[in-house]
Amino acid sequence: MKLTKEQAKMVIEYFSQQAAQDAPVKDLDWKEWDKHMWMTNYQTSLAIERVINEHDWAALVNAALDYQSFDRDAAGYLHERGEDDTEYMNNYYHEVLEDALSAHIDVVFNTSKAA
């Protein structure tokens, strides 16, 4: 069964969030990072039956990492960027990061090719 465009985007979102969550960022070993990125790209490509551009995948996973970092500790995230931990800045960054994540999902799907 072929996935619809919206279903494929939901699968891409799910796999990118998992890839970000499982990313080997602690004691970063670039070989492990590259292997992780390749494997998660491959898994997602198989799941949606489309070939995903590796650079677009990396940008999406990094956007997901950024979003998850903010979600786990908004105050710390804002502090790292020299921002005050206010309701306004919290809402602003949440919206910006959510929009960036959504845009990257669109790019990954739109630049992927039929398998």
C-alpha atoms as a PDB file:
ATOM      1  CA  MET A   1       0.000   0.000   0.000  1.00  0.00           C
ATOM      2  CA  LYS A   2       1.389   3.376  -1.041  1.00  0.00           C
ATOM      3  CA  LEU A   3       1.365   6.110   1.615  1.00  0.00           C
ATOM      4  CA  THR A   4      -0.330   9.402   0.932  1.00  0.00           C
ATOM      5  CA  LYS A   5       1.782  12.552   1.081  1.00  0.00           C
ATOM      6  CA  GLU A   6       0.400  13.400   4.540  1.00  0.00           C
ATOM      7  CA  GLN A   7       0.995   9.872   5.838  1.00  0.00           C
ATOM      8  CA  ALA A   8       4.561   9.948   4.538  1.00  0.00           C
ATOM      9  CA  LYS A   9       5.162  13.268   6.290  1.00  0.00           C
ATOM     10  CA  MET A  10       3.864  11.811   9.567  1.00  0.00           C
ATOM     11  CA  VAL A  11       6.240   8.869   9.174  1.00  0.00           C
ATOM     12  CA  ILE A  12       9.126  11.251   8.415  1.00  0.00           C
ATOM     13  CA  GLU A  13       8.266  13.285  11.523  1.00  0.00           C
ATOM     14  CA  TYR A  14       8.130  10.170  13.698  1.00  0.00           C
ATOM     15  CA  PHE A  15      11.443   8.789  12.444  1.00  0.00           C
ATOM     16  CA  SER A  16      13.187  12.173  12.706  1.00  0.00           C
ATOM     17  CA  GLN A  17      12.066  12.543  16.320  1.00  0.00           C
ATOM     18  CA  GLN A  18      13.327   9.036  17.073  1.00  0.00           C
ATOM     19  CA  ALA A  19      16.612   9.769  15.279  1.00  0.00           C
ATOM     20  CA  ALA A  20      17.075  12.933  17.330  1.00  0.00           C
ATOM     21  CA  GLN A  21      16.182  11.171  20.562  1.00  0.00           C
ATOM     22  CA  ASP A  22      18.581   8.289  19.893  1.00  0.00           C
ATOM     23  CA  ALA A  23      21.379  10.430  18.427  1.00  0.00           C
ATOM     24  CA  PRO A  24      24.835   9.718  19.865  1.00  0.00           C
ATOM     25  CA  VAL A  25      25.477  13.285  21.049  1.00  0.00           C
ATOM     26  CA  LYS A  26      26.985  12.432  24.433  1.00  0.00           C
ATOM     27  CA  ASP A  27      30.761  11.962  24.016  1.00  0.00           C
ATOM     28  CA  LEU A  28      30.239  12.598  20.314  1.00  0.00           C
ATOM     29  CA  ASP A  29      31.934  10.089  18.048  1.00  0.00           C
ATOM     30  CA  TRP A  30      31.557  11.293  14.457  1.00  0.00           C
ATOM     31  CA  LYS A  31      31.748   7.763  13.063  1.00  0.00           C
ATOM     32  CA  GLU A  32      28.819   6.764  15.266  1.00  0.00           C
ATOM     33  CA  TRP A  33      26.970   9.966  14.320  1.00  0.00           C
ATOM     34  CA  ASP A  34      27.448   9.284  10.592  1.00  0.00           C
ATOM     35  CA  LYS A  35      26.357   5.668  11.016  1.00  0.00           C
ATOM     36  CA  HIS A  36      23.286   6.766  12.990  1.00  0.00           C
ATOM     37  CA  MET A  37      22.337   9.337  10.362  1.00  0.00           C
ATOM     38  CA  TRP A  38      22.787   6.852   7.527  1.00  0.00           C
ATOM     39  CA  MET A  39      20.798   4.122   9.269  1.00  0.00           C
ATOM     40  CA  THR A  40      17.915   6.395  10.252  1.00  0.00           C
ATOM     41  CA  ASN A  41      17.801   7.899   6.756  1.00  0.00           C
ATOM     42  CA  TYR A  42      17.711   4.396   5.293  1.00  0.00           C
ATOM     43  CA  GLN A  43      14.970   3.223   7.672  1.00  0.00           C
ATOM     44  CA  THR A  44      12.838   6.247   6.889  1.00  0.00           C
ATOM     45  CA  SER A  45      13.426   5.871   3.158  1.00  0.00           C
ATOM     46  CA  LEU A  46      12.256   2.268   3.373  1.00  0.00           C
ATOM     47  CA  ALA A  47       9.226   3.209   5.442  1.00  0.00           C
ATOM     48  CA  ILE A  48       8.002   5.828   2.977  1.00  0.00           C
ATOM     49  CA  GLU A  49       9.295   4.023  -0.113  1.00  0.00           C
ATOM     50  CA  ARG A  50      11.194   7.103  -1.259  1.00  0.00           C
ATOM     51  CA  VAL A  51      14.916   7.942  -1.297  1.00  0.00           C
ATOM     52  CA  ILE A  52      15.669  10.780   1.118  1.00  0.00           C
ATOM     53  CA  ASN A  53      18.456  13.270   0.429  1.00  0.00           C
ATOM     54  CA  GLU A  54      21.092  12.849   3.148  1.00  0.00           C
ATOM     55  CA  HIS A  55      21.676  16.591   3.606  1.00  0.00           C
ATOM     56  CA  ASP A  56      17.972  17.293   4.006  1.00  0.00           C
ATOM     57  CA  TRP A  57      17.711  14.414   6.483  1.00  0.00           C
ATOM     58  CA  ALA A  58      20.613  15.786   8.529  1.00  0.00           C
ATOM     59  CA  ALA A  59      19.024  19.251   8.615  1.00  0.00           C
ATOM     60  CA  LEU A  60      15.721  17.733   9.773  1.00  0.00           C
ATOM     61  CA  VAL A  61      17.324  15.650  12.525  1.00  0.00           C
ATOM     62  CA  ASN A  62      19.254  18.702  13.719  1.00  0.00           C
ATOM     63  CA  ALA A  63      16.004  20.714  13.783  1.00  0.00           C
ATOM     64  CA  ALA A  64      14.406  17.888  15.781  1.00  0.00           C
ATOM     65  CA  LEU A  65      17.371  17.912  18.199  1.00  0.00           C
ATOM     66  CA  ASP A  66      16.958  21.664  18.632  1.00  0.00           C
ATOM     67  CA  TYR A  67      13.227  21.309  19.233  1.00  0.00           C
ATOM     68  CA  GLN A  68      13.742  18.500  21.749  1.00  0.00           C
ATOM     69  CA  SER A  69      16.425  20.495  23.554  1.00  0.00           C
ATOM     70  CA  PHE A  70      14.014  23.408  23.939  1.00  0.00           C
ATOM     71  CA  ASP A  71      11.174  21.084  24.955  1.00  0.00           C
ATOM     72  CA  ARG A  72      13.253  19.463  27.701  1.00  0.00           C
ATOM     73  CA  ASP A  73      14.621  22.695  29.188  1.00  0.00           C
ATOM     74  CA  ALA A  74      13.158  25.869  27.716  1.00  0.00           C
ATOM     75  CA  ALA A  75      14.825  28.108  30.304  1.00  0.00           C
ATOM     76  CA  GLY A  76      18.252  26.584  29.640  1.00  0.00           C
ATOM     77  CA  TYR A  77      17.729  26.781  25.890  1.00  0.00           C
ATOM     78  CA  LEU A  78      16.801  30.463  26.108  1.00  0.00           C
ATOM     79  CA  HIS A  79      19.704  31.201  28.467  1.00  0.00           C
ATOM     80  CA  GLU A  80      22.188  29.606  26.023  1.00  0.00           C
ATOM     81  CA  ARG A  81      20.961  32.079  23.399  1.00  0.00           C
ATOM     82  CA  GLY A  82      21.160  35.106  25.683  1.00  0.00           C
ATOM     83  CA  GLU A  83      17.383  35.402  26.000  1.00  0.00           C
ATOM     84  CA  ASP A  84      15.296  35.979  29.103  1.00  0.00           C
ATOM     85  CA  ASP A  85      13.056  33.162  30.238  1.00  0.00           C
ATOM     86  CA  THR A  86       9.787  35.011  29.756  1.00  0.00           C
ATOM     87  CA  GLU A  87       6.442  33.710  28.596  1.00  0.00           C
ATOM     88  CA  TYR A  88       6.779  35.786  25.424  1.00  0.00           C
ATOM     89  CA  MET A  89      10.235  34.391  24.533  1.00  0.00           C
ATOM     90  CA  ASN A  90       9.161  30.876  25.465  1.00  0.00           C
ATOM     91  CA  ASN A  91       6.150  31.095  23.144  1.00  0.00           C
ATOM     92  CA  TYR A  92       8.196  32.795  20.417  1.00  0.00           C
ATOM     93  CA  TYR A  93      10.941  30.146  20.370  1.00  0.00           C
ATOM     94  CA  HIS A  94       8.434  27.325  20.632  1.00  0.00           C
ATOM     95  CA  GLU A  95       6.622  28.626  17.552  1.00  0.00           C
ATOM     96  CA  VAL A  96       9.834  29.261  15.589  1.00  0.00           C
ATOM     97  CA  LEU A  97      11.243  25.812  16.341  1.00  0.00           C
ATOM     98  CA  GLU A  98       7.936  24.125  15.550  1.00  0.00           C
ATOM     99  CA  ASP A  99       7.729  26.001  12.226  1.00  0.00           C
ATOM    100  CA  ALA A 100      11.341  25.089  11.389  1.00  0.00           C
ATOM    101  CA  LEU A 101      10.661  21.435  12.124  1.00  0.00           C
ATOM    102  CA  SER A 102       7.566  21.467   9.943  1.00  0.00           C
ATOM    103  CA  ALA A 103       9.432  23.196   7.102  1.00  0.00           C
ATOM    104  CA  HIS A 104      12.250  20.631   7.256  1.00  0.00           C
ATOM    105  CA  ILE A 105       9.736  17.775   7.105  1.00  0.00           C
ATOM    106  CA  ASP A 106       8.249  19.352   3.979  1.00  0.00           C
ATOM    107  CA  VAL A 107      11.702  19.716   2.416  1.00  0.00           C
ATOM    108  CA  VAL A 108      12.624  16.101   3.167  1.00  0.00           C
ATOM    109  CA  PHE A 109       9.449  14.861   1.536  1.00  0.00           C
ATOM    110  CA  ASN A 110       9.540  17.274  -1.402  1.00  0.00           C
ATOM    111  CA  THR A 111      13.159  16.514  -2.301  1.00  0.00           C
ATOM    112  CA  SER A 112      12.846  12.751  -1.833  1.00  0.00           C
ATOM    113  CA  LYS A 113      12.581  10.643  -4.937  1.00  0.00           C
ATOM    114  CA  ALA A 114      10.468   7.614  -5.770  1.00  0.00           C
ATOM    115  CA  ALA A 115      12.230   4.406  -4.801  1.00  0.00           C
END
